[in-house]
Amino acid sequence: MRIGLFIITAFWFFPVSAQTLRIMGSDDGFLPFYYGNNLSMGILIEVINDFTLETGIEAEFRPMARKRQAWALQRGLANAVFASPLWMPLPDRMHAVGPVLTWRDRVFAQPGQQTDSFNDLEGGICLRKWFVYSDQLERGIGSHLVRHDAYNARQMLLMFLNKRCDYIVMNETEFRFLALLWDVDPDVYSTELIDAEWPVYLGILKTEADLIEAAEAFFANYTIDVAAMLPKLPQPDR
């Protein structure tokens, strides 16, 4: 009888975190990587669904304000996050798996205004308000470039497509996704200028040894085909 009670108690108190990958995500500015109600759609959602199918480990995305992510990890509300090393919460306590993809902010230009140098950018440029861009771009603002602020990527892209500015800088995957939704040819506007790029890792708490082992094995042989995924993604709710 005591042995039976001990087994029941062990299962009752077995940490859920050891069985489930609970990934924090913010729905502010991460289209099309994850978006929608409860972050149920997007490229990384599809990737984690494949992870679950292959490993049998349950996974879920949890909407979480970025400033509360460290708090959520400490409280056990989550155990993982997709982030670059510079933006990883609790970096000393996280194991980085990957990189799983590269985040790339590209300069897009009106047709006929493509250039291969930041020094040659002249005219109006649409950027996100409060967003920090590279030093090479900031040096041109005020001298060669007139800045037009937008509150989000969609507003910025609409301003650009309506020719209120000559250039924009935004994540190239997001640009291509929105271009698909709006029936716009992204190659007409693309340039070779990259404002910033960085690798994105899946950070998992170091205490989750089994999850880390499973994620390392999965991503060692997994390739994210963004071009193939984009046309199949559902439209955003808003």
Protein backbone atom coordinates (compact mmCIF):
# COMPACT_ATOMS: atom_id res chain seq x y z
CA MET A 1 0.00 0.00 0.00
CA ARG A 2 2.80 2.41 0.93
CA ILE A 3 4.64 1.56 -2.31
CA GLY A 4 1.50 2.34 -4.32
CA LEU A 5 1.06 5.66 -2.55
CA PHE A 6 4.71 6.49 -3.16
CA ILE A 7 4.37 5.83 -6.91
CA ILE A 8 1.20 7.94 -7.12
CA THR A 9 2.87 10.77 -5.20
CA ALA A 10 5.95 10.64 -7.44
CA PHE A 11 3.85 11.01 -10.56
CA TRP A 12 1.74 13.75 -8.98
CA PHE A 13 4.77 15.91 -8.17
CA PHE A 14 6.79 15.08 -11.29
CA PRO A 15 7.61 18.49 -12.86
CA VAL A 16 5.50 19.28 -15.89
CA SER A 17 8.42 21.26 -17.32
CA ALA A 18 10.35 18.03 -17.86
CA GLN A 19 7.59 16.79 -20.18
CA THR A 20 6.57 19.96 -22.01
CA LEU A 21 8.50 22.58 -23.94
CA ARG A 22 6.84 25.86 -22.95
CA ILE A 23 8.12 28.59 -25.25
CA MET A 24 7.58 32.24 -24.49
CA GLY A 25 6.72 34.53 -27.37
CA SER A 26 5.69 38.15 -27.85
CA ASP A 27 3.19 38.96 -30.60
CA ASP A 28 4.73 42.41 -31.04
CA GLY A 29 6.75 42.47 -34.24
CA PHE A 30 7.39 38.79 -34.89
CA LEU A 31 5.16 38.21 -37.91
CA PRO A 32 5.36 35.68 -39.57
CA PHE A 33 7.53 33.73 -37.13
CA TYR A 34 4.68 33.39 -34.64
CA TYR A 35 1.40 35.28 -34.44
CA GLY A 36 -2.35 34.93 -33.89
CA ASN A 37 -4.42 34.21 -30.82
CA ASN A 38 -2.24 32.38 -28.29
CA LEU A 39 0.55 32.46 -30.90
CA SER A 40 -0.94 29.53 -32.79
CA MET A 41 0.34 30.36 -36.29
CA GLY A 42 3.68 31.02 -37.95
CA ILE A 43 6.98 29.60 -39.14
CA LEU A 44 8.30 28.68 -35.70
CA ILE A 45 4.92 27.19 -34.75
CA GLU A 46 5.22 24.81 -37.72
CA VAL A 47 8.79 23.99 -36.73
CA ILE A 48 7.82 23.15 -33.17
CA ASN A 49 4.87 21.08 -34.43
CA ASP A 50 7.41 19.02 -36.40
CA PHE A 51 9.51 18.74 -33.24
CA THR A 52 6.53 17.34 -31.34
CA LEU A 53 5.72 14.84 -34.09
CA GLU A 54 9.30 13.56 -34.21
CA THR A 55 10.11 13.49 -30.50
CA GLY A 56 6.70 12.96 -28.90
CA ILE A 57 7.42 15.88 -26.55
CA GLU A 58 4.51 18.26 -26.10
CA ALA A 59 5.20 21.92 -26.82
CA GLU A 60 3.25 25.16 -26.59
CA PHE A 61 3.82 28.86 -27.13
CA ARG A 62 2.89 31.24 -24.33
CA PRO A 63 2.30 34.96 -25.04
CA MET A 64 4.58 36.91 -22.75
CA ALA A 65 5.72 40.51 -22.70
CA ARG A 66 9.45 40.58 -23.34
CA LYS A 67 10.16 42.51 -20.13
CA ARG A 68 8.50 39.67 -18.15
CA GLN A 69 10.31 36.76 -19.80
CA ALA A 70 13.06 36.47 -17.18
CA TRP A 71 10.38 36.58 -14.48
CA ALA A 72 8.40 33.82 -16.22
CA LEU A 73 11.47 31.58 -16.44
CA GLN A 74 12.24 32.11 -12.77
CA ARG A 75 8.66 31.33 -11.76
CA GLY A 76 8.50 28.17 -13.86
CA LEU A 77 5.80 29.53 -16.17
CA ALA A 78 8.02 28.77 -19.17
CA ASN A 79 11.26 27.00 -19.92
CA ALA A 80 12.27 28.16 -23.39
CA VAL A 81 12.39 31.12 -25.77
CA PHE A 82 13.53 31.84 -29.32
CA ALA A 83 16.08 34.67 -29.17
CA SER A 84 19.47 35.89 -30.27
CA PRO A 85 22.31 35.59 -27.73
CA LEU A 86 22.18 39.35 -27.11
CA TRP A 87 18.48 39.24 -26.19
CA MET A 88 18.38 35.92 -24.33
CA PRO A 89 16.73 36.28 -20.89
CA LEU A 90 18.75 34.77 -18.02
CA PRO A 91 21.66 33.97 -20.38
CA ASP A 92 23.72 32.24 -17.66
CA ARG A 93 20.86 29.81 -17.03
CA MET A 94 19.95 29.09 -20.66
CA HIS A 95 21.34 26.54 -23.11
CA ALA A 96 21.25 27.80 -26.71
CA VAL A 97 20.24 25.26 -29.35
CA GLY A 98 20.97 26.19 -32.95
CA PRO A 99 21.03 28.64 -34.56
CA VAL A 100 17.73 27.59 -36.08
CA LEU A 101 17.39 30.58 -38.44
CA THR A 102 18.82 34.02 -39.21
CA TRP A 103 16.96 37.27 -38.59
CA ARG A 104 17.85 39.73 -41.33
CA ASP A 105 16.83 43.39 -41.63
CA ARG A 106 17.13 44.42 -45.28
CA VAL A 107 16.88 47.80 -47.00
CA PHE A 108 14.09 47.93 -49.60
CA ALA A 109 13.97 50.69 -52.21
CA GLN A 110 11.52 52.11 -54.70
CA PRO A 111 12.09 50.77 -58.24
CA GLY A 112 15.04 52.44 -59.89
CA GLN A 113 16.55 53.59 -56.57
CA GLN A 114 18.45 50.44 -55.65
CA THR A 115 22.01 50.97 -54.46
CA ASP A 116 24.77 48.87 -52.95
CA SER A 117 26.04 51.48 -50.47
CA PHE A 118 24.53 53.14 -47.40
CA ASN A 119 26.39 56.30 -48.38
CA ASP A 120 24.28 56.55 -51.54
CA LEU A 121 20.91 56.53 -49.76
CA GLU A 122 19.16 59.85 -50.29
CA GLY A 123 15.56 60.95 -49.86
CA GLY A 124 12.90 59.76 -47.45
CA ILE A 125 13.13 56.60 -45.39
CA CYS A 126 10.27 54.94 -43.46
CA LEU A 127 11.33 53.38 -40.16
CA ARG A 128 9.64 52.06 -37.05
CA LYS A 129 9.25 54.58 -34.27
CA TRP A 130 11.42 53.83 -31.22
CA PHE A 131 13.25 51.03 -33.07
CA VAL A 132 17.07 51.06 -32.85
CA TYR A 133 18.80 50.70 -36.21
CA SER A 134 22.46 50.30 -37.09
CA ASP A 135 25.05 53.08 -36.76
CA GLN A 136 25.65 52.98 -40.52
CA LEU A 137 22.00 53.84 -41.11
CA GLU A 138 21.65 56.36 -38.30
CA ARG A 139 24.60 58.37 -39.67
CA GLY A 140 22.64 59.12 -42.83
CA ILE A 141 19.46 60.27 -41.09
CA GLY A 142 19.31 64.04 -40.90
CA SER A 143 22.05 64.58 -43.45
CA HIS A 144 21.03 62.55 -46.51
CA LEU A 145 17.83 60.90 -45.31
CA VAL A 146 14.54 62.32 -44.05
CA ARG A 147 13.02 59.98 -41.49
CA HIS A 148 9.30 59.10 -41.53
CA ASP A 149 8.16 57.15 -38.46
CA ALA A 150 5.58 54.38 -38.43
CA TYR A 151 4.15 52.66 -35.36
CA ASN A 152 4.47 49.13 -36.75
CA ALA A 153 5.77 47.20 -39.74
CA ARG A 154 2.44 47.15 -41.58
CA GLN A 155 2.01 50.91 -41.39
CA MET A 156 5.61 51.36 -42.48
CA LEU A 157 5.18 49.09 -45.49
CA LEU A 158 1.93 50.76 -46.52
CA MET A 159 3.63 54.16 -46.40
CA PHE A 160 6.41 52.78 -48.58
CA LEU A 161 4.08 51.13 -51.11
CA ASN A 162 2.13 54.39 -51.34
CA LYS A 163 5.46 56.10 -52.18
CA ARG A 164 5.58 58.32 -49.12
CA CYS A 165 9.25 57.36 -48.77
CA ASP A 166 12.04 56.07 -50.96
CA TYR A 167 13.33 53.35 -48.63
CA ILE A 168 12.35 51.16 -45.73
CA VAL A 169 14.26 48.80 -43.47
CA MET A 170 12.42 45.73 -42.21
CA ASN A 171 12.80 42.03 -41.65
CA GLU A 172 12.98 40.48 -45.11
CA THR A 173 10.83 37.47 -44.16
CA GLU A 174 8.10 39.73 -42.81
CA PHE A 175 8.28 41.87 -45.97
CA ARG A 176 7.91 38.80 -48.20
CA PHE A 177 5.02 37.45 -46.14
CA LEU A 178 3.08 40.72 -46.29
CA ALA A 179 3.92 41.03 -49.99
CA LEU A 180 2.28 37.63 -50.57
CA LEU A 181 -0.86 38.72 -48.70
CA TRP A 182 -1.08 41.99 -50.62
CA ASP A 183 -0.12 40.55 -54.04
CA VAL A 184 3.07 42.61 -54.27
CA ASP A 185 6.29 41.46 -55.96
CA PRO A 186 9.01 41.82 -53.28
CA ASP A 187 11.85 41.40 -55.77
CA VAL A 188 10.94 44.74 -57.36
CA TYR A 189 11.97 46.50 -54.14
CA SER A 190 14.76 44.30 -52.78
CA THR A 191 18.37 45.53 -52.46
CA GLU A 192 21.61 43.90 -51.37
CA LEU A 193 21.91 46.23 -48.35
CA ILE A 194 21.62 44.47 -44.98
CA ASP A 195 21.18 46.78 -42.00
CA ALA A 196 21.53 44.05 -39.39
CA GLU A 197 21.42 40.28 -39.08
CA TRP A 198 21.82 37.87 -36.22
CA PRO A 199 21.30 34.17 -35.51
CA VAL A 200 18.21 33.04 -33.61
CA TYR A 201 18.54 30.17 -31.14
CA LEU A 202 16.10 28.14 -29.10
CA GLY A 203 17.13 28.88 -25.52
CA ILE A 204 16.15 26.22 -22.98
CA LEU A 205 16.72 26.31 -19.24
CA LYS A 206 19.84 24.29 -18.40
CA THR A 207 17.88 22.35 -15.80
CA GLU A 208 15.82 20.77 -18.62
CA ALA A 209 18.43 18.22 -19.68
CA ASP A 210 16.01 15.91 -21.51
CA LEU A 211 14.47 18.75 -23.50
CA ILE A 212 17.91 20.06 -24.44
CA GLU A 213 19.03 16.64 -25.63
CA ALA A 214 15.88 16.19 -27.73
CA ALA A 215 16.14 19.69 -29.23
CA GLU A 216 19.83 19.30 -30.08
CA ALA A 217 19.13 16.02 -31.89
CA PHE A 218 16.14 17.47 -33.75
CA PHE A 219 17.75 20.71 -34.97
CA ALA A 220 21.00 18.96 -35.92
CA ASN A 221 19.23 17.59 -39.02
CA TYR A 222 16.34 20.03 -39.46
CA THR A 223 16.29 22.75 -42.10
CA ILE A 224 13.71 25.54 -42.09
CA ASP A 225 12.53 26.15 -45.65
CA VAL A 226 11.07 29.63 -45.22
CA ALA A 227 10.28 30.10 -48.92
CA ALA A 228 8.16 26.95 -48.95
CA MET A 229 6.39 27.79 -45.68
CA LEU A 230 5.36 31.38 -46.42
CA PRO A 231 2.62 30.67 -49.04
CA LYS A 232 1.02 28.10 -46.74
CA LEU A 233 0.77 30.28 -43.64
CA PRO A 234 -2.72 31.56 -42.70
CA GLN A 235 -3.57 35.23 -42.79
CA PRO A 236 -3.08 37.15 -39.54
CA ASP A 237 -6.16 37.92 -37.45
CA ARG A 238 -5.40 41.63 -37.64
